[in-house]
Protein backbone atom coordinates (compact mmCIF):
# COMPACT_ATOMS: atom_id res chain seq x y z
CA MET A 1 -23.85 37.07 23.95
CA ASN A 2 -26.04 34.39 22.27
CA GLU A 3 -25.80 31.64 19.84
CA GLN A 4 -27.05 34.00 17.14
CA ILE A 5 -24.24 36.37 17.10
CA PHE A 6 -21.75 33.45 17.60
CA GLY A 7 -23.00 32.21 14.49
CA LYS A 8 -23.04 35.39 12.64
CA VAL A 9 -19.47 36.14 13.74
CA ASP A 10 -18.29 32.47 12.85
CA GLN A 11 -19.80 33.57 9.13
CA TYR A 12 -18.13 36.65 9.15
CA ILE A 13 -14.53 35.29 10.14
CA SER A 14 -15.68 32.20 7.11
CA ASN A 15 -16.23 35.01 4.64
CA LEU A 16 -13.22 37.04 5.50
CA LEU A 17 -10.47 34.43 5.85
CA ALA A 18 -11.73 30.83 5.01
CA PRO A 19 -14.13 31.12 2.01
CA GLU A 20 -15.09 27.89 0.78
CA ASP A 21 -14.45 27.08 -2.89
CA GLN A 22 -16.90 25.10 -5.02
CA VAL A 23 -14.96 21.64 -3.83
CA LEU A 24 -15.46 22.49 -0.49
CA LYS A 25 -19.13 23.21 -0.58
CA ASP A 26 -19.65 20.15 -2.66
CA THR A 27 -17.91 18.24 -0.43
CA ILE A 28 -20.52 19.36 2.23
CA LYS A 29 -23.37 18.65 0.11
CA SER A 30 -22.24 15.10 -0.59
CA LEU A 31 -22.94 14.15 2.71
CA ASP A 32 -26.74 15.21 2.63
CA GLU A 33 -26.82 13.27 -0.78
CA GLU A 34 -25.52 10.28 0.73
CA GLY A 35 -27.63 10.54 3.97
CA PHE A 36 -24.45 10.74 6.26
CA PRO A 37 -24.28 13.31 9.27
CA GLN A 38 -23.11 16.81 8.76
CA ILE A 39 -20.08 16.25 11.45
CA SER A 40 -17.47 17.83 9.53
CA VAL A 41 -15.42 20.85 11.03
CA THR A 42 -16.64 24.07 10.14
CA ALA A 43 -14.72 26.16 7.55
CA ASN A 44 -13.18 28.51 10.27
CA LEU A 45 -11.62 25.08 11.92
CA GLY A 46 -10.80 23.61 8.59
CA LYS A 47 -8.93 26.87 7.72
CA PHE A 48 -7.26 26.48 11.51
CA LEU A 49 -6.20 23.14 10.67
CA GLN A 50 -4.85 24.32 7.32
CA VAL A 51 -2.69 27.26 9.24
CA MET A 52 -1.57 24.72 11.82
CA ALA A 53 -0.14 22.29 9.10
CA VAL A 54 1.84 25.39 7.53
CA LEU A 55 2.88 26.64 10.82
CA SER A 56 4.73 23.09 11.51
CA ASN A 57 5.83 22.87 8.11
CA ALA A 58 4.22 19.79 7.73
CA LYS A 59 5.04 16.94 5.04
CA LYS A 60 3.52 13.92 6.59
CA ILE A 61 0.02 14.45 8.10
CA LEU A 62 -2.16 11.38 9.81
CA GLU A 63 -5.82 12.13 10.11
CA LEU A 64 -8.31 9.80 12.20
CA GLY A 65 -11.77 10.36 10.80
CA THR A 66 -12.26 10.92 6.95
CA LEU A 67 -15.94 11.06 6.59
CA ALA A 68 -16.40 13.05 3.31
CA GLY A 69 -12.98 14.33 3.29
CA TYR A 70 -13.57 18.10 4.13
CA SER A 71 -11.14 18.35 6.81
CA THR A 72 -8.51 16.05 4.69
CA ILE A 73 -9.00 18.83 1.78
CA TRP A 74 -8.14 21.80 4.03
CA LEU A 75 -4.95 19.84 5.57
CA ALA A 76 -3.86 18.32 2.39
CA ARG A 77 -3.85 21.75 0.44
CA ALA A 78 -1.23 22.92 3.22
CA LEU A 79 1.15 19.98 1.86
CA PRO A 80 3.90 20.55 -0.28
CA ALA A 81 4.33 19.07 -3.59
CA ASP A 82 6.17 15.80 -2.19
CA GLY A 83 3.77 15.73 0.93
CA LYS A 84 1.57 13.16 2.11
CA LEU A 85 -1.74 12.54 4.36
CA ILE A 86 -2.78 9.48 5.40
CA THR A 87 -6.42 9.21 6.34
CA LEU A 88 -8.08 6.48 8.56
CA GLU A 89 -12.27 6.01 8.06
CA VAL A 90 -13.89 2.79 9.67
CA GLU A 91 -16.89 3.16 7.43
CA GLN A 92 -16.19 2.10 3.65
CA ARG A 93 -18.89 4.14 2.24
CA HIS A 94 -17.63 7.32 4.03
CA SER A 95 -14.15 6.54 2.50
CA ASP A 96 -15.27 5.57 -0.79
CA LEU A 97 -17.37 9.18 -0.61
CA ALA A 98 -14.25 10.97 0.47
CA ARG A 99 -12.04 9.41 -2.31
CA LYS A 100 -14.34 11.08 -5.01
CA ASN A 101 -14.48 14.59 -3.07
CA ILE A 102 -10.49 14.16 -2.92
CA GLY A 103 -10.15 13.41 -6.77
CA LYS A 104 -12.58 16.33 -7.48
CA ALA A 105 -10.01 18.65 -5.59
CA GLY A 106 -7.20 17.24 -7.42
CA LEU A 107 -5.31 15.89 -4.33
CA SER A 108 -5.60 12.08 -4.78
CA ASP A 109 -1.77 12.09 -5.31
CA LYS A 110 -1.22 13.44 -1.86
CA VAL A 111 -4.11 11.57 0.32
CA ASP A 112 -3.46 7.78 1.20
CA PHE A 113 -6.82 6.29 2.52
CA ARG A 114 -7.08 3.33 4.92
CA VAL A 115 -10.42 1.70 5.83
CA GLY A 116 -10.88 -0.07 9.16
CA LYS A 117 -10.54 0.38 12.89
CA ALA A 118 -8.07 3.08 14.03
CA MET A 119 -7.20 0.56 16.91
CA GLU A 120 -6.22 -1.89 14.38
CA ILE A 121 -4.56 0.31 11.81
CA LEU A 122 -2.43 2.45 14.40
CA PRO A 123 -0.25 -0.45 15.34
CA GLN A 124 0.25 -1.41 11.90
CA LEU A 125 1.71 1.92 11.05
CA ILE A 126 3.72 2.02 13.70
CA GLU A 127 5.01 -1.69 13.09
CA ASN A 128 5.53 -0.64 9.28
CA GLY A 129 7.74 2.52 10.41
CA GLU A 130 5.39 4.90 8.57
CA GLY A 131 5.77 7.72 11.12
CA PRO A 132 6.96 10.10 12.62
CA PHE A 133 4.36 12.39 11.20
CA ASP A 134 4.86 16.26 11.46
CA LEU A 135 0.89 16.76 12.28
CA ILE A 136 -1.94 14.19 13.74
CA PHE A 137 -5.48 15.45 13.64
CA ILE A 138 -7.96 13.31 15.62
CA ASP A 139 -11.62 13.59 15.00
CA ALA A 140 -13.16 10.01 15.12
CA ASP A 141 -14.95 8.18 17.61
CA LYS A 142 -14.70 9.56 21.28
CA PRO A 143 -14.91 6.62 23.74
CA PRO A 144 -11.04 5.49 22.92
CA TYR A 145 -9.61 9.14 22.36
CA ALA A 146 -7.07 8.59 25.01
CA GLU A 147 -5.83 5.41 23.57
CA TYR A 148 -5.66 7.20 20.23
CA PHE A 149 -3.65 9.67 21.65
CA GLU A 150 -1.10 7.36 22.90
CA TYR A 151 -0.88 5.80 19.62
CA ALA A 152 -0.30 9.48 18.28
CA LEU A 153 2.54 9.93 20.52
CA SER A 154 4.09 6.61 19.23
CA LEU A 155 3.83 8.00 15.58
CA SER A 156 5.26 11.68 16.65
CA ARG A 157 8.60 13.29 16.91
CA PRO A 158 9.51 16.24 18.89
CA GLY A 159 7.76 19.08 17.70
CA THR A 160 4.91 16.96 16.07
CA VAL A 161 1.19 18.89 16.53
CA ILE A 162 -1.38 16.46 17.57
CA ILE A 163 -4.98 18.05 17.29
CA CYS A 164 -8.07 16.54 18.87
CA ASP A 165 -11.46 17.69 17.99
CA ASN A 166 -14.93 17.63 20.22
CA VAL A 167 -13.26 17.82 23.36
CA ILE A 168 -15.85 20.11 25.47
CA ARG A 169 -18.91 18.47 24.13
CA GLU A 170 -21.10 21.74 24.71
CA GLY A 171 -19.91 21.61 28.56
CA LYS A 172 -20.87 18.12 28.85
CA ILE A 173 -17.20 17.25 30.33
CA LEU A 174 -18.03 19.02 33.50
CA ASP A 175 -20.34 16.40 34.57
CA GLU A 176 -18.38 14.00 36.42
CA ASN A 177 -21.81 11.48 36.79
CA THR A 178 -22.28 11.41 33.10
CA SER A 179 -23.45 8.09 31.26
CA ASP A 180 -22.47 9.60 27.83
CA GLU A 181 -19.69 7.01 26.62
CA LYS A 182 -18.69 9.98 24.11
CA VAL A 183 -18.26 12.44 27.21
CA LYS A 184 -16.53 9.77 29.28
CA GLY A 185 -14.23 9.20 26.41
CA VAL A 186 -13.39 12.67 25.99
CA GLN A 187 -13.07 13.36 30.09
CA ARG A 188 -10.44 10.40 30.10
CA PHE A 189 -8.54 12.21 27.35
CA ASN A 190 -8.53 15.40 28.61
CA LYS A 191 -7.05 13.70 32.42
CA LEU A 192 -4.66 12.05 30.35
CA LEU A 193 -3.38 15.49 28.67
CA GLN A 194 -3.39 17.01 32.01
CA SER A 195 -0.73 14.56 33.25
CA ASN A 196 1.20 13.31 30.00
CA LYS A 197 4.86 15.07 30.51
CA ASN A 198 5.79 14.37 27.07
CA VAL A 199 3.52 17.38 25.27
CA THR A 200 2.75 20.77 26.01
CA ALA A 201 -0.71 21.12 25.55
CA THR A 202 -3.86 23.25 25.98
CA ILE A 203 -7.65 23.46 24.90
CA ILE A 204 -9.39 26.15 23.34
CA GLN A 205 -13.05 26.44 23.55
CA THR A 206 -14.78 26.94 20.02
CA VAL A 207 -18.29 28.74 19.47
CA GLY A 208 -19.79 29.21 16.38
CA VAL A 209 -22.24 27.66 13.91
CA LYS A 210 -21.83 24.38 15.25
CA GLU A 211 -22.27 25.91 18.82
CA HIS A 212 -20.01 25.11 21.93
CA ASP A 213 -17.14 22.72 21.77
CA GLY A 214 -13.53 22.93 21.65
CA MET A 215 -10.17 21.72 20.44
CA ALA A 216 -7.08 20.53 22.26
CA ILE A 217 -3.70 21.18 20.86
CA ALA A 218 -0.46 19.26 22.01
CA VAL A 219 3.16 19.90 20.87
CA VAL A 220 5.53 16.74 21.48
CA ASN A 221 8.35 18.45 23.61
CA ARG A 222 12.03 18.37 22.87
CA THR A 223 14.11 15.53 24.41
CA ASP A 224 16.82 16.81 26.59
CA PRO A 225 20.26 16.12 25.43
CA SER A 226 21.81 13.24 27.54
């Protein structure tokens, strides 16, 4: 097996079950036009997020890391008419671009944009009582992933699904002596996931057009009746 076959299979799945409409294609194109990095999820993973949102019957979704709004569109399309998605983005230019793309997708009424550092916005969400969310997707800067997850738990309820992207880092998480702060952040998060008794969780490796990575999937446990 090689990367070429992984890419071809990824494309096969996308064509079959996750075809991109013009809005999604234009959203990816907009990143190049603005000179922003192409670090959105793939079509397959976007569809996976959508499936998870449907599976969890999500009405309220929280997303950390908007970028151009690609994953936001996949998730928001799974919401019912009265559903809402709050998406956090540290870069104003990214959020502005996402707002345009979300508008073109006809989803502006379902998406609430928040701009600033997630570590500052998340406690505000808790203080304002804006949770609990049915699904939380974390795809932001990696060093504080463990802290993001702890905040996500505070914004959850039993049954909430929490998904965290990029937790394998092409296998670099196996290097205990790494100096890469992104890898260190993910390693801390993965160990937290292992020890946390409030969730049932696993990590699924992903391969495809964006090479080797993985997604963590956690479900907040039911509380035992007292």
